[in-house]
């Protein structure tokens, strides 16, 4: 369950200017065009080349649920690459990213302070450098834990340490993630 990775993808998809094709035939035609052939589309989806051709010609209209999910995912992954790149670039250079999360936050801090984790609901605007790190890590295939570490570091610096104005030696743990959503 890749909550952070999926959340980043959904945030970028909000920037799309046109809707993703809805019918199986339209999605298959788009995928064939992007992959430059029915053979490549068939290999990507794990079906026969003839089946791809039948979807392209609208001879088959209703795919099996698992094929429909794979087809939708492959099309969304490739839909409007220039718009996707511009949205990531804007977030990474000027806009930053807003994180809305409900998770358990625990602390490692100076003696005499509490380090018991507790559930918090936070909505924090992270600066562009954290957005850039999150998108770069996602594009390079980072694990969910690596993405969580980057997000925790951003929340630690911006929310808990208030840009370095307090709690200098505080370390924040980001666990028991119930909900996370990103907005560009």
Foldseek 3Di string as FASTA:
>chain_A
DQALLVQVLVQLVVQDPDDQDDWQLVLLVQQCVVLVHLCSVCVQLVHDSVVSVCSVVVVDTDDDPVSVVSSVVSSSVVPPPVSSVVVLVCCQPPQPKKKWWWFWKFKDADPPDHRDTDTDTDIDGFHNNLSNVLVVCSVVPHDSVVSQQSVQVRCCCCPVCPVVVDRNPMHMDTDPTDHMHMHD
